[in-house]
Each structure stands twice: as structure tokens, then as C-alpha cells.
Amino acid sequence: KALLGEEIEKRQTYYKFTWNGKEEARAYARVPSMGTLRP
């Protein structure tokens, strides 16, 4: 954060795209998938 200086968002209120369950969706997106692609 110190290295990034002024580029860190410090305000508590600002516009952002959010919804209920967003953090859970982000966590699920980080879990590696073991599936197989079949056309």
C-alpha cells in the first residue's frame, strides 16, 4: 500500500458494482477446476 501511494482507494463510500454473494463468487472463482472440456 505504501508503494502504491495515492492509487489506493481509502474512502468507505464510492461507486462500485456489487451484489449479495459477490465475495463468495470471487472465492469460488479462485478454486481451481478439475473438469474436462468436451465440445
Full PDB file with SEQRES, HELIX, SHEET, SSBOND, CRYST1, ORIGX, SCALE, CONECT and MASTER records, all heavy atoms in Angstrom:
SEQRES   1 A   39  LYS ALA LEU LEU GLY GLU GLU ILE GLU LYS ARG GLN THR          
SEQRES   2 A   39  TYR TYR LYS PHE THR TRP ASN GLY LYS GLU GLU ALA ARG          
SEQRES   3 A   39  ALA TYR ALA ARG VAL PRO SER MET GLY THR LEU ARG PRO          
HELIX    1 AA1 GLY A    5  GLU A    7  5                                   3    
HELIX    2 AA2 LYS A   22  ARG A   30  1                                   9    
CRYST1    1.000    1.000    1.000  90.00  90.00  90.00 P 1           1          
ORIGX1      1.000000  0.000000  0.000000        0.00000                         
ORIGX2      0.000000  1.000000  0.000000        0.00000                         
ORIGX3      0.000000  0.000000  1.000000        0.00000                         
SCALE1      1.000000  0.000000  0.000000        0.00000                         
SCALE2      0.000000  1.000000  0.000000        0.00000                         
SCALE3      0.000000  0.000000  1.000000        0.00000                         
ATOM      1  N   LYS A   1       0.835  -1.211   0.000  1.00  0.00           N  
ATOM      2  CA  LYS A   1       0.000   0.000   0.000  1.00  0.00           C  
ATOM      3  C   LYS A   1       0.863   1.251   0.000  1.00  0.00           C  
ATOM      4  O   LYS A   1       0.572   2.210  -0.710  1.00  0.00           O  
ATOM      5  CB  LYS A   1      -0.934   0.006   1.216  1.00  0.00           C  
ATOM      6  CG  LYS A   1      -2.088  -0.952   1.076  1.00  0.00           C  
ATOM      7  CD  LYS A   1      -3.204  -0.801   2.084  1.00  0.00           C  
ATOM      8  CE  LYS A   1      -2.810  -0.544   3.483  1.00  0.00           C  
ATOM      9  NZ  LYS A   1      -3.925  -0.582   4.445  1.00  0.00           N  
ATOM     10  N   ALA A   2       1.949   1.254   0.768  1.00  0.00           N  
ATOM     11  CA  ALA A   2       2.841   2.419   0.798  1.00  0.00           C  
ATOM     12  C   ALA A   2       3.502   2.631  -0.569  1.00  0.00           C  
ATOM     13  O   ALA A   2       3.651   3.770  -1.023  1.00  0.00           O  
ATOM     14  CB  ALA A   2       3.900   2.243   1.885  1.00  0.00           C  
ATOM     15  N   LEU A   3       3.870   1.541  -1.231  1.00  0.00           N  
ATOM     16  CA  LEU A   3       4.491   1.645  -2.550  1.00  0.00           C  
ATOM     17  C   LEU A   3       3.516   2.183  -3.603  1.00  0.00           C  
ATOM     18  O   LEU A   3       3.915   2.874  -4.536  1.00  0.00           O  
ATOM     19  CB  LEU A   3       5.018   0.282  -2.998  1.00  0.00           C  
ATOM     20  CG  LEU A   3       6.212  -0.258  -2.223  1.00  0.00           C  
ATOM     21  CD1 LEU A   3       6.475  -1.705  -2.596  1.00  0.00           C  
ATOM     22  CD2 LEU A   3       7.445   0.603  -2.479  1.00  0.00           C  
ATOM     23  N   LEU A   4       2.248   1.869  -3.450  1.00  0.00           N  
ATOM     24  CA  LEU A   4       1.244   2.318  -4.415  1.00  0.00           C  
ATOM     25  C   LEU A   4       0.780   3.748  -4.152  1.00  0.00           C  
ATOM     26  O   LEU A   4       0.152   4.366  -5.009  1.00  0.00           O  
ATOM     27  CB  LEU A   4       0.050   1.357  -4.421  1.00  0.00           C  
ATOM     28  CG  LEU A   4       0.364  -0.045  -4.934  1.00  0.00           C  
ATOM     29  CD1 LEU A   4      -0.830  -0.958  -4.752  1.00  0.00           C  
ATOM     30  CD2 LEU A   4       0.803  -0.015  -6.382  1.00  0.00           C  
ATOM     31  N   GLY A   5       1.083   4.267  -2.989  1.00  0.00           N  
ATOM     32  CA  GLY A   5       0.804   5.671  -2.670  1.00  0.00           C  
ATOM     33  C   GLY A   5      -0.646   6.069  -2.823  1.00  0.00           C  
ATOM     34  O   GLY A   5      -1.536   5.466  -2.246  1.00  0.00           O  
ATOM     35  N   GLU A   6      -0.881   7.082  -3.619  1.00  0.00           N  
ATOM     36  CA  GLU A   6      -2.213   7.662  -3.779  1.00  0.00           C  
ATOM     37  C   GLU A   6      -3.161   6.804  -4.613  1.00  0.00           C  
ATOM     38  O   GLU A   6      -4.315   7.155  -4.780  1.00  0.00           O  
ATOM     39  CB  GLU A   6      -2.103   9.061  -4.398  1.00  0.00           C  
ATOM     40  CG  GLU A   6      -1.353  10.051  -3.532  1.00  0.00           C  
ATOM     41  CD  GLU A   6      -2.048  10.275  -2.181  1.00  0.00           C  
ATOM     42  OE1 GLU A   6      -3.282  10.439  -2.166  1.00  0.00           O  
ATOM     43  OE2 GLU A   6      -1.339  10.260  -1.159  1.00  0.00           O  
ATOM     44  N   GLU A   7      -2.687   5.703  -5.161  1.00  0.00           N  
ATOM     45  CA  GLU A   7      -3.536   4.864  -6.005  1.00  0.00           C  
ATOM     46  C   GLU A   7      -4.408   3.893  -5.214  1.00  0.00           C  
ATOM     47  O   GLU A   7      -5.116   3.091  -5.793  1.00  0.00           O  
ATOM     48  CB  GLU A   7      -2.675   4.080  -7.009  1.00  0.00           C  
ATOM     49  CG  GLU A   7      -1.929   4.962  -7.986  1.00  0.00           C  
ATOM     50  CD  GLU A   7      -2.865   5.835  -8.825  1.00  0.00           C  
ATOM     51  OE1 GLU A   7      -3.883   5.317  -9.318  1.00  0.00           O  
ATOM     52  OE2 GLU A   7      -2.568   7.030  -8.970  1.00  0.00           O  
ATOM     53  N   ILE A   8      -4.360   3.976  -3.886  1.00  0.00           N  
ATOM     54  CA  ILE A   8      -5.171   3.120  -3.032  1.00  0.00           C  
ATOM     55  C   ILE A   8      -6.467   3.839  -2.699  1.00  0.00           C  
ATOM     56  O   ILE A   8      -6.454   4.992  -2.270  1.00  0.00           O  
ATOM     57  CB  ILE A   8      -4.425   2.773  -1.715  1.00  0.00           C  
ATOM     58  CG1 ILE A   8      -3.119   2.048  -2.014  1.00  0.00           C  
ATOM     59  CG2 ILE A   8      -5.298   1.970  -0.771  1.00  0.00           C  
ATOM     60  CD1 ILE A   8      -3.293   0.653  -2.534  1.00  0.00           C  
ATOM     61  N   GLU A   9      -7.608   3.150  -2.865  1.00  0.00           N  
ATOM     62  CA  GLU A   9      -8.908   3.719  -2.516  1.00  0.00           C  
ATOM     63  C   GLU A   9      -9.077   3.644  -1.003  1.00  0.00           C  
ATOM     64  O   GLU A   9      -9.050   2.568  -0.427  1.00  0.00           O  
ATOM     65  CB  GLU A   9     -10.036   2.950  -3.216  1.00  0.00           C  
ATOM     66  CG  GLU A   9     -11.413   3.486  -2.936  1.00  0.00           C  
ATOM     67  CD  GLU A   9     -11.589   4.930  -3.377  1.00  0.00           C  
ATOM     68  OE1 GLU A   9     -11.548   5.195  -4.581  1.00  0.00           O  
ATOM     69  OE2 GLU A   9     -11.744   5.788  -2.492  1.00  0.00           O  
ATOM     70  N   LYS A  10      -9.221   4.787  -0.363  1.00  0.00           N  
ATOM     71  CA  LYS A  10      -9.313   4.829   1.097  1.00  0.00           C  
ATOM     72  C   LYS A  10     -10.712   5.171   1.585  1.00  0.00           C  
ATOM     73  O   LYS A  10     -11.024   4.961   2.746  1.00  0.00           O  
ATOM     74  CB  LYS A  10      -8.318   5.857   1.646  1.00  0.00           C  
ATOM     75  CG  LYS A  10      -6.877   5.469   1.374  1.00  0.00           C  
ATOM     76  CD  LYS A  10      -5.918   6.527   1.843  1.00  0.00           C  
ATOM     77  CE  LYS A  10      -4.501   6.138   1.454  1.00  0.00           C  
ATOM     78  NZ  LYS A  10      -3.546   7.193   1.663  1.00  0.00           N  
ATOM     79  N   ARG A  11     -11.557   5.711   0.695  1.00  0.00           N  
ATOM     80  CA  ARG A  11     -12.902   6.089   1.122  1.00  0.00           C  
ATOM     81  C   ARG A  11     -13.728   4.849   1.420  1.00  0.00           C  
ATOM     82  O   ARG A  11     -13.534   3.802   0.827  1.00  0.00           O  
ATOM     83  CB  ARG A  11     -13.604   6.900   0.021  1.00  0.00           C  
ATOM     84  CG  ARG A  11     -12.908   8.194  -0.317  1.00  0.00           C  
ATOM     85  CD  ARG A  11     -13.569   8.864  -1.490  1.00  0.00           C  
ATOM     86  NE  ARG A  11     -13.331   8.021  -2.680  1.00  0.00           N  
ATOM     87  CZ  ARG A  11     -14.014   8.088  -3.799  1.00  0.00           C  
ATOM     88  NH1 ARG A  11     -14.994   8.945  -3.924  1.00  0.00           N  
ATOM     89  NH2 ARG A  11     -13.738   7.301  -4.814  1.00  0.00           N  
ATOM     90  N   GLN A  12     -14.669   4.991   2.312  1.00  0.00           N  
ATOM     91  CA  GLN A  12     -15.569   3.887   2.637  1.00  0.00           C  
ATOM     92  C   GLN A  12     -16.765   3.842   1.687  1.00  0.00           C  
ATOM     93  O   GLN A  12     -17.368   2.799   1.501  1.00  0.00           O  
ATOM     94  CB  GLN A  12     -16.053   4.015   4.086  1.00  0.00           C  
ATOM     95  CG  GLN A  12     -14.944   3.821   5.103  1.00  0.00           C  
ATOM     96  CD  GLN A  12     -14.365   2.425   5.035  1.00  0.00           C  
ATOM     97  OE1 GLN A  12     -15.096   1.448   4.948  1.00  0.00           O  
ATOM     98  NE2 GLN A  12     -13.043   2.320   5.053  1.00  0.00           N  
ATOM     99  N   THR A  13     -17.136   4.986   1.124  1.00  0.00           N  
ATOM    100  CA  THR A  13     -18.265   5.034   0.210  1.00  0.00           C  
ATOM    101  C   THR A  13     -17.805   5.507  -1.156  1.00  0.00           C  
ATOM    102  O   THR A  13     -17.151   6.533  -1.288  1.00  0.00           O  
ATOM    103  CB  THR A  13     -19.375   5.975   0.735  1.00  0.00           C  
ATOM    104  OG1 THR A  13     -18.825   7.267   0.925  1.00  0.00           O  
ATOM    105  CG2 THR A  13     -19.937   5.460   2.044  1.00  0.00           C  
ATOM    106  N   TYR A  14     -18.114   4.720  -2.154  1.00  0.00           N  
ATOM    107  CA  TYR A  14     -17.799   5.053  -3.537  1.00  0.00           C  
ATOM    108  C   TYR A  14     -18.628   4.129  -4.422  1.00  0.00           C  
ATOM    109  O   TYR A  14     -19.202   3.145  -3.962  1.00  0.00           O  
ATOM    110  CB  TYR A  14     -16.305   4.919  -3.841  1.00  0.00           C  
ATOM    111  CG  TYR A  14     -15.680   3.619  -3.395  1.00  0.00           C  
ATOM    112  CD1 TYR A  14     -15.660   2.516  -4.225  1.00  0.00           C  
ATOM    113  CD2 TYR A  14     -15.098   3.505  -2.138  1.00  0.00           C  
ATOM    114  CE1 TYR A  14     -15.092   1.329  -3.822  1.00  0.00           C  
ATOM    115  CE2 TYR A  14     -14.526   2.318  -1.727  1.00  0.00           C  
ATOM    116  CZ  TYR A  14     -14.528   1.239  -2.574  1.00  0.00           C  
ATOM    117  OH  TYR A  14     -13.969   0.068  -2.171  1.00  0.00           O  
ATOM    118  N   TYR A  15     -18.710   4.456  -5.681  1.00  0.00           N  
ATOM    119  CA  TYR A  15     -19.488   3.649  -6.615  1.00  0.00           C  
ATOM    120  C   TYR A  15     -18.718   2.390  -6.990  1.00  0.00           C  
ATOM    121  O   TYR A  15     -17.534   2.441  -7.308  1.00  0.00           O  
ATOM    122  CB  TYR A  15     -19.790   4.450  -7.892  1.00  0.00           C  
ATOM    123  CG  TYR A  15     -20.708   5.601  -7.642  1.00  0.00           C  
ATOM    124  CD1 TYR A  15     -20.224   6.897  -7.639  1.00  0.00           C  
ATOM    125  CD2 TYR A  15     -22.059   5.398  -7.414  1.00  0.00           C  
ATOM    126  CE1 TYR A  15     -21.057   7.975  -7.410  1.00  0.00           C  
ATOM    127  CE2 TYR A  15     -22.909   6.462  -7.180  1.00  0.00           C  
ATOM    128  CZ  TYR A  15     -22.409   7.745  -7.189  1.00  0.00           C  
ATOM    129  OH  TYR A  15     -23.238   8.787  -6.961  1.00  0.00           O  
ATOM    130  N   LYS A  16     -19.412   1.279  -6.939  1.00  0.00           N  
ATOM    131  CA  LYS A  16     -18.815   0.023  -7.380  1.00  0.00           C  
ATOM    132  C   LYS A  16     -19.937  -0.954  -7.723  1.00  0.00           C  
ATOM    133  O   LYS A  16     -21.057  -0.826  -7.252  1.00  0.00           O  
ATOM    134  CB  LYS A  16     -17.875  -0.573  -6.344  1.00  0.00           C  
ATOM    135  CG  LYS A  16     -18.524  -0.974  -5.034  1.00  0.00           C  
ATOM    136  CD  LYS A  16     -17.479  -1.520  -4.086  1.00  0.00           C  
ATOM    137  CE  LYS A  16     -18.099  -1.881  -2.754  1.00  0.00           C  
ATOM    138  NZ  LYS A  16     -17.129  -2.453  -1.854  1.00  0.00           N  
ATOM    139  N   PHE A  17     -19.609  -1.904  -8.563  1.00  0.00           N  
ATOM    140  CA  PHE A  17     -20.561  -2.915  -8.980  1.00  0.00           C  
ATOM    141  C   PHE A  17     -20.527  -4.031  -7.944  1.00  0.00           C  
ATOM    142  O   PHE A  17     -19.521  -4.712  -7.771  1.00  0.00           O  
ATOM    143  CB  PHE A  17     -20.171  -3.433 -10.364  1.00  0.00           C  
ATOM    144  CG  PHE A  17     -21.169  -4.394 -10.945  1.00  0.00           C  
ATOM    145  CD1 PHE A  17     -22.479  -4.021 -11.148  1.00  0.00           C  
ATOM    146  CD2 PHE A  17     -20.782  -5.668 -11.310  1.00  0.00           C  
ATOM    147  CE1 PHE A  17     -23.404  -4.896 -11.696  1.00  0.00           C  
ATOM    148  CE2 PHE A  17     -21.683  -6.557 -11.858  1.00  0.00           C  
ATOM    149  CZ  PHE A  17     -22.996  -6.171 -12.050  1.00  0.00           C  
ATOM    150  N   THR A  18     -21.632  -4.208  -7.235  1.00  0.00           N  
ATOM    151  CA  THR A  18     -21.651  -5.206  -6.176  1.00  0.00           C  
ATOM    152  C   THR A  18     -23.013  -5.875  -6.083  1.00  0.00           C  
ATOM    153  O   THR A  18     -23.996  -5.364  -6.622  1.00  0.00           O  
ATOM    154  CB  THR A  18     -21.238  -4.586  -4.828  1.00  0.00           C  
ATOM    155  OG1 THR A  18     -21.052  -5.629  -3.881  1.00  0.00           O  
ATOM    156  CG2 THR A  18     -22.268  -3.593  -4.325  1.00  0.00           C  
ATOM    157  N   TRP A  19     -23.069  -6.997  -5.419  1.00  0.00           N  
ATOM    158  CA  TRP A  19     -24.313  -7.715  -5.199  1.00  0.00           C  
ATOM    159  C   TRP A  19     -24.116  -8.648  -4.020  1.00  0.00           C  
ATOM    160  O   TRP A  19     -22.988  -8.929  -3.605  1.00  0.00           O  
ATOM    161  CB  TRP A  19     -24.723  -8.498  -6.455  1.00  0.00           C  
ATOM    162  CG  TRP A  19     -23.742  -9.574  -6.837  1.00  0.00           C  
ATOM    163  CD1 TRP A  19     -23.733 -10.869  -6.421  1.00  0.00           C  
ATOM    164  CD2 TRP A  19     -22.602  -9.425  -7.697  1.00  0.00           C  
ATOM    165  NE1 TRP A  19     -22.673 -11.528  -6.975  1.00  0.00           N  
ATOM    166  CE2 TRP A  19     -21.970 -10.676  -7.766  1.00  0.00           C  
ATOM    167  CE3 TRP A  19     -22.079  -8.362  -8.427  1.00  0.00           C  
ATOM    168  CZ2 TRP A  19     -20.831 -10.887  -8.524  1.00  0.00           C  
ATOM    169  CZ3 TRP A  19     -20.948  -8.588  -9.185  1.00  0.00           C  
ATOM    170  CH2 TRP A  19     -20.338  -9.839  -9.226  1.00  0.00           C  
ATOM    171  N   ASN A  20     -25.233  -9.123  -3.474  1.00  0.00           N  
ATOM    172  CA  ASN A  20     -25.188 -10.053  -2.356  1.00  0.00           C  
ATOM    173  C   ASN A  20     -24.564 -11.361  -2.836  1.00  0.00           C  
ATOM    174  O   ASN A  20     -24.992 -11.924  -3.831  1.00  0.00           O  
ATOM    175  CB  ASN A  20     -26.607 -10.301  -1.824  1.00  0.00           C  
ATOM    176  CG  ASN A  20     -26.592 -11.067  -0.521  1.00  0.00           C  
ATOM    177  OD1 ASN A  20     -25.589 -11.081   0.182  1.00  0.00           O  
ATOM    178  ND2 ASN A  20     -27.684 -11.722  -0.207  1.00  0.00           N  
ATOM    179  N   GLY A  21     -23.535 -11.840  -2.161  1.00  0.00           N  
ATOM    180  CA  GLY A  21     -22.851 -13.065  -2.530  1.00  0.00           C  
ATOM    181  C   GLY A  21     -21.630 -12.850  -3.411  1.00  0.00           C  
ATOM    182  O   GLY A  21     -21.021 -13.814  -3.875  1.00  0.00           O  
ATOM    183  N   LYS A  22     -21.237 -11.590  -3.639  1.00  0.00           N  
ATOM    184  CA  LYS A  22     -20.102 -11.310  -4.529  1.00  0.00           C  
ATOM    185  C   LYS A  22     -18.803 -11.908  -3.995  1.00  0.00           C  
ATOM    186  O   LYS A  22     -18.019 -12.480  -4.756  1.00  0.00           O  
ATOM    187  CB  LYS A  22     -19.952  -9.802  -4.716  1.00  0.00           C  
ATOM    188  CG  LYS A  22     -18.855  -9.418  -5.680  1.00  0.00           C  
ATOM    189  CD  LYS A  22     -18.818  -7.928  -5.915  1.00  0.00           C  
ATOM    190  CE  LYS A  22     -17.740  -7.526  -6.892  1.00  0.00           C  
ATOM    191  NZ  LYS A  22     -17.735  -6.087  -7.143  1.00  0.00           N  
ATOM    192  N   GLU A  23     -18.559 -11.792  -2.701  1.00  0.00           N  
ATOM    193  CA  GLU A  23     -17.313 -12.332  -2.135  1.00  0.00           C  
ATOM    194  C   GLU A  23     -17.264 -13.855  -2.251  1.00  0.00           C  
ATOM    195  O   GLU A  23     -16.210 -14.422  -2.528  1.00  0.00           O  
ATOM    196  CB  GLU A  23     -17.145 -11.895  -0.681  1.00  0.00           C  
ATOM    197  CG  GLU A  23     -16.862 -10.415  -0.535  1.00  0.00           C  
ATOM    198  CD  GLU A  23     -15.661  -9.945  -1.359  1.00  0.00           C  
ATOM    199  OE1 GLU A  23     -14.599 -10.617  -1.331  1.00  0.00           O  
ATOM    200  OE2 GLU A  23     -15.787  -8.924  -2.044  1.00  0.00           O  
ATOM    201  N   GLU A  24     -18.420 -14.510  -2.057  1.00  0.00           N  
ATOM    202  CA  GLU A  24     -18.464 -15.964  -2.213  1.00  0.00           C  
ATOM    203  C   GLU A  24     -18.191 -16.348  -3.667  1.00  0.00           C  
ATOM    204  O   GLU A  24     -17.509 -17.328  -3.944  1.00  0.00           O  
ATOM    205  CB  GLU A  24     -19.825 -16.520  -1.773  1.00  0.00           C  
ATOM    206  CG  GLU A  24     -20.074 -16.436  -0.282  1.00  0.00           C  
ATOM    207  CD  GLU A  24     -20.596 -15.080   0.169  1.00  0.00           C  
ATOM    208  OE1 GLU A  24     -20.875 -14.201  -0.686  1.00  0.00           O  
ATOM    209  OE2 GLU A  24     -20.718 -14.880   1.380  1.00  0.00           O  
ATOM    210  N   ALA A  25     -18.732 -15.559  -4.603  1.00  0.00           N  
ATOM    211  CA  ALA A  25     -18.491 -15.826  -6.027  1.00  0.00           C  
ATOM    212  C   ALA A  25     -17.015 -15.651  -6.363  1.00  0.00           C  
ATOM    213  O   ALA A  25     -16.438 -16.451  -7.113  1.00  0.00           O  
ATOM    214  CB  ALA A  25     -19.348 -14.895  -6.885  1.00  0.00           C  
ATOM    215  N   ARG A  26     -16.382 -14.628  -5.815  1.00  0.00           N  
ATOM    216  CA  ARG A  26     -14.942 -14.425  -6.053  1.00  0.00           C  
ATOM    217  C   ARG A  26     -14.127 -15.582  -5.488  1.00  0.00           C  
ATOM    218  O   ARG A  26     -13.179 -16.044  -6.108  1.00  0.00           O  
ATOM    219  CB  ARG A  26     -14.475 -13.120  -5.415  1.00  0.00           C  
ATOM    220  CG  ARG A  26     -14.786 -11.914  -6.221  1.00  0.00           C  
ATOM    221  CD  ARG A  26     -14.169 -10.689  -5.582  1.00  0.00           C  
ATOM    222  NE  ARG A  26     -14.279  -9.548  -6.460  1.00  0.00           N  
ATOM    223  CZ  ARG A  26     -14.121  -8.314  -6.070  1.00  0.00           C  
ATOM    224  NH1 ARG A  26     -13.844  -8.034  -4.811  1.00  0.00           N  
ATOM    225  NH2 ARG A  26     -14.232  -7.324  -6.922  1.00  0.00           N  
ATOM    226  N   ALA A  27     -14.503 -16.043  -4.290  1.00  0.00           N  
ATOM    227  CA  ALA A  27     -13.790 -17.172  -3.679  1.00  0.00           C  
ATOM    228  C   ALA A  27     -13.950 -18.423  -4.536  1.00  0.00           C  
ATOM    229  O   ALA A  27     -12.986 -19.157  -4.767  1.00  0.00           O  
ATOM    230  CB  ALA A  27     -14.299 -17.415  -2.265  1.00  0.00           C  
ATOM    231  N   TYR A  28     -15.153 -18.669  -5.034  1.00  0.00           N  
ATOM    232  CA  TYR A  28     -15.409 -19.841  -5.887  1.00  0.00           C  
ATOM    233  C   TYR A  28     -14.624 -19.746  -7.194  1.00  0.00           C  
ATOM    234  O   TYR A  28     -14.110 -20.740  -7.694  1.00  0.00           O  
ATOM    235  CB  TYR A  28     -16.909 -19.958  -6.166  1.00  0.00           C  
ATOM    236  CG  TYR A  28     -17.268 -21.108  -7.065  1.00  0.00           C  
ATOM    237  CD1 TYR A  28     -17.074 -22.425  -6.652  1.00  0.00           C  
ATOM    238  CD2 TYR A  28     -17.791 -20.889  -8.329  1.00  0.00           C  
ATOM    239  CE1 TYR A  28     -17.392 -23.487  -7.479  1.00  0.00           C  
ATOM    240  CE2 TYR A  28     -18.115 -21.944  -9.164  1.00  0.00           C  
ATOM    241  CZ  TYR A  28     -17.917 -23.237  -8.730  1.00  0.00           C  
ATOM    242  OH  TYR A  28     -18.227 -24.280  -9.554  1.00  0.00           O  
ATOM    243  N   ALA A  29     -14.497 -18.547  -7.721  1.00  0.00           N  
ATOM    244  CA  ALA A  29     -13.758 -18.351  -8.973  1.00  0.00           C  
ATOM    245  C   ALA A  29     -12.276 -18.663  -8.804  1.00  0.00           C  
ATOM    246  O   ALA A  29     -11.602 -19.039  -9.771  1.00  0.00           O  
ATOM    247  CB  ALA A  29     -13.947 -16.923  -9.480  1.00  0.00           C  
ATOM    248  N   ARG A  30     -11.751 -18.532  -7.587  1.00  0.00           N  
ATOM    249  CA  ARG A  30     -10.327 -18.792  -7.339  1.00  0.00           C  
ATOM    250  C   ARG A  30     -10.019 -20.269  -7.126  1.00  0.00           C  
ATOM    251  O   ARG A  30      -8.865 -20.677  -7.152  1.00  0.00           O  
ATOM    252  CB  ARG A  30      -9.854 -17.990  -6.127  1.00  0.00           C  
ATOM    253  CG  ARG A  30      -9.767 -16.508  -6.373  1.00  0.00           C  
ATOM    254  CD  ARG A  30      -9.112 -15.791  -5.216  1.00  0.00           C  
ATOM    255  NE  ARG A  30      -9.825 -15.914  -3.978  1.00  0.00           N  
ATOM    256  CZ  ARG A  30     -10.685 -15.024  -3.488  1.00  0.00           C  
ATOM    257  NH1 ARG A  30     -10.938 -13.925  -4.155  1.00  0.00           N  
ATOM    258  NH2 ARG A  30     -11.284 -15.217  -2.337  1.00  0.00           N  
ATOM    259  N   VAL A  31     -11.051 -21.085  -6.904  1.00  0.00           N  
ATOM    260  CA  VAL A  31     -10.834 -22.515  -6.685  1.00  0.00           C  
ATOM    261  C   VAL A  31     -10.531 -23.173  -8.029  1.00  0.00           C  
ATOM    262  O   VAL A  31     -11.327 -23.068  -8.959  1.00  0.00           O  
ATOM    263  CB  VAL A  31     -12.094 -23.164  -6.055  1.00  0.00           C  
ATOM    264  CG1 VAL A  31     -11.920 -24.678  -5.962  1.00  0.00           C  
ATOM    265  CG2 VAL A  31     -12.383 -22.566  -4.693  1.00  0.00           C  
ATOM    266  N   PRO A  32      -9.369 -23.826  -8.152  1.00  0.00           N  
ATOM    267  CA  PRO A  32      -9.043 -24.475  -9.432  1.00  0.00           C  
ATOM    268  C   PRO A  32     -10.083 -25.531  -9.802  1.00  0.00           C  
ATOM    269  O   PRO A  32     -10.593 -26.247  -8.945  1.00  0.00           O  
ATOM    270  CB  PRO A  32      -7.678 -25.123  -9.167  1.00  0.00           C  
ATOM    271  CG  PRO A  32      -7.102 -24.345  -8.033  1.00  0.00           C  
ATOM    272  CD  PRO A  32      -8.280 -23.936  -7.184  1.00  0.00           C  
ATOM    273  N   SER A  33     -10.396 -25.627 -11.066  1.00  0.00           N  
ATOM    274  CA  SER A  33     -11.377 -26.578 -11.566  1.00  0.00           C  
ATOM    275  C   SER A  33     -10.671 -27.816 -12.091  1.00  0.00           C  
ATOM    276  O   SER A  33      -9.611 -27.730 -12.688  1.00  0.00           O  
ATOM    277  CB  SER A  33     -12.192 -25.930 -12.685  1.00  0.00           C  
ATOM    278  OG  SER A  33     -13.122 -26.850 -13.183  1.00  0.00           O  
ATOM    279  N   MET A  34     -11.283 -28.964 -11.894  1.00  0.00           N  
ATOM    280  CA  MET A  34     -10.703 -30.219 -12.355  1.00  0.00           C  
ATOM    281  C   MET A  34     -11.539 -30.835 -13.478  1.00  0.00           C  
ATOM    282  O   MET A  34     -11.396 -31.999 -13.793  1.00  0.00           O  
ATOM    283  CB  MET A  34     -10.615 -31.210 -11.185  1.00  0.00           C  
ATOM    284  CG  MET A  34      -9.706 -30.759 -10.061  1.00  0.00           C  
ATOM    285  SD  MET A  34      -7.994 -30.653 -10.557  1.00  0.00           S  
ATOM    286  CE  MET A  34      -7.610 -32.364 -10.753  1.00  0.00           C  
ATOM    287  N   GLY A  35     -12.444 -30.069 -14.062  1.00  0.00           N  
ATOM    288  CA  GLY A  35     -13.324 -30.575 -15.108  1.00  0.00           C  
ATOM    289  C   GLY A  35     -12.596 -30.814 -16.413  1.00  0.00           C  
ATOM    290  O   GLY A  35     -11.411 -30.553 -16.559  1.00  0.00           O  
ATOM    291  N   THR A  36     -13.339 -31.315 -17.373  1.00  0.00           N  
ATOM    292  CA  THR A  36     -12.820 -31.575 -18.711  1.00  0.00           C  
ATOM    293  C   THR A  36     -13.717 -30.888 -19.719  1.00  0.00           C  
ATOM    294  O   THR A  36     -14.939 -30.990 -19.621  1.00  0.00           O  
ATOM    295  CB  THR A  36     -12.802 -33.093 -18.994  1.00  0.00           C  
ATOM    296  OG1 THR A  36     -11.999 -33.727 -18.016  1.00  0.00           O  
ATOM    297  CG2 THR A  36     -12.261 -33.381 -20.368  1.00  0.00           C  
ATOM    298  N   LEU A  37     -13.128 -30.199 -20.675  1.00  0.00           N  
ATOM    299  CA  LEU A  37     -13.895 -29.570 -21.743  1.00  0.00           C  
ATOM    300  C   LEU A  37     -14.170 -30.604 -22.827  1.00  0.00           C  
ATOM    301  O   LEU A  37     -13.253 -31.262 -23.305  1.00  0.00           O  
ATOM    302  CB  LEU A  37     -13.120 -28.403 -22.355  1.00  0.00           C  
ATOM    303  CG  LEU A  37     -12.991 -27.167 -21.507  1.00  0.00           C  
ATOM    304  CD1 LEU A  37     -12.093 -26.153 -22.202  1.00  0.00           C  
ATOM    305  CD2 LEU A  37     -14.355 -26.545 -21.257  1.00  0.00           C  
ATOM    306  N   ARG A  38     -15.437 -30.732 -23.174  1.00  0.00           N  
ATOM    307  CA  ARG A  38     -15.812 -31.600 -24.285  1.00  0.00           C  
ATOM    308  C   ARG A  38     -16.730 -30.807 -25.193  1.00  0.00           C  
ATOM    309  O   ARG A  38     -17.804 -30.398 -24.787  1.00  0.00           O  
ATOM    310  CB  ARG A  38     -16.517 -32.852 -23.776  1.00  0.00           C  
ATOM    311  CG  ARG A  38     -15.568 -33.803 -23.075  1.00  0.00           C  
ATOM    312  CD  ARG A  38     -16.248 -35.056 -22.670  1.00  0.00           C  
ATOM    313  NE  ARG A  38     -17.318 -34.720 -21.734  1.00  0.00           N  
ATOM    314  CZ  ARG A  38     -18.277 -35.547 -21.377  1.00  0.00           C  
ATOM    315  NH1 ARG A  38     -18.336 -36.748 -21.884  1.00  0.00           N  
ATOM    316  NH2 ARG A  38     -19.198 -35.175 -20.519  1.00  0.00           N  
ATOM    317  N   PRO A  39     -16.325 -30.579 -26.423  1.00  0.00           N  
ATOM    318  CA  PRO A  39     -17.179 -29.831 -27.348  1.00  0.00           C  
ATOM    319  C   PRO A  39     -18.492 -30.561 -27.603  1.00  0.00           C  
ATOM    320  O   PRO A  39     -18.535 -31.793 -27.617  1.00  0.00           O  
ATOM    321  CB  PRO A  39     -16.359 -29.760 -28.633  1.00  0.00           C  
ATOM    322  CG  PRO A  39     -14.974 -30.084 -28.232  1.00  0.00           C  
ATOM    323  CD  PRO A  39     -15.058 -30.946 -27.019  1.00  0.00           C  
TER     324      PRO A  39                                                      
MASTER        0    0    0    2    0    0    0    6  323    1    0    3          
END                                                                             
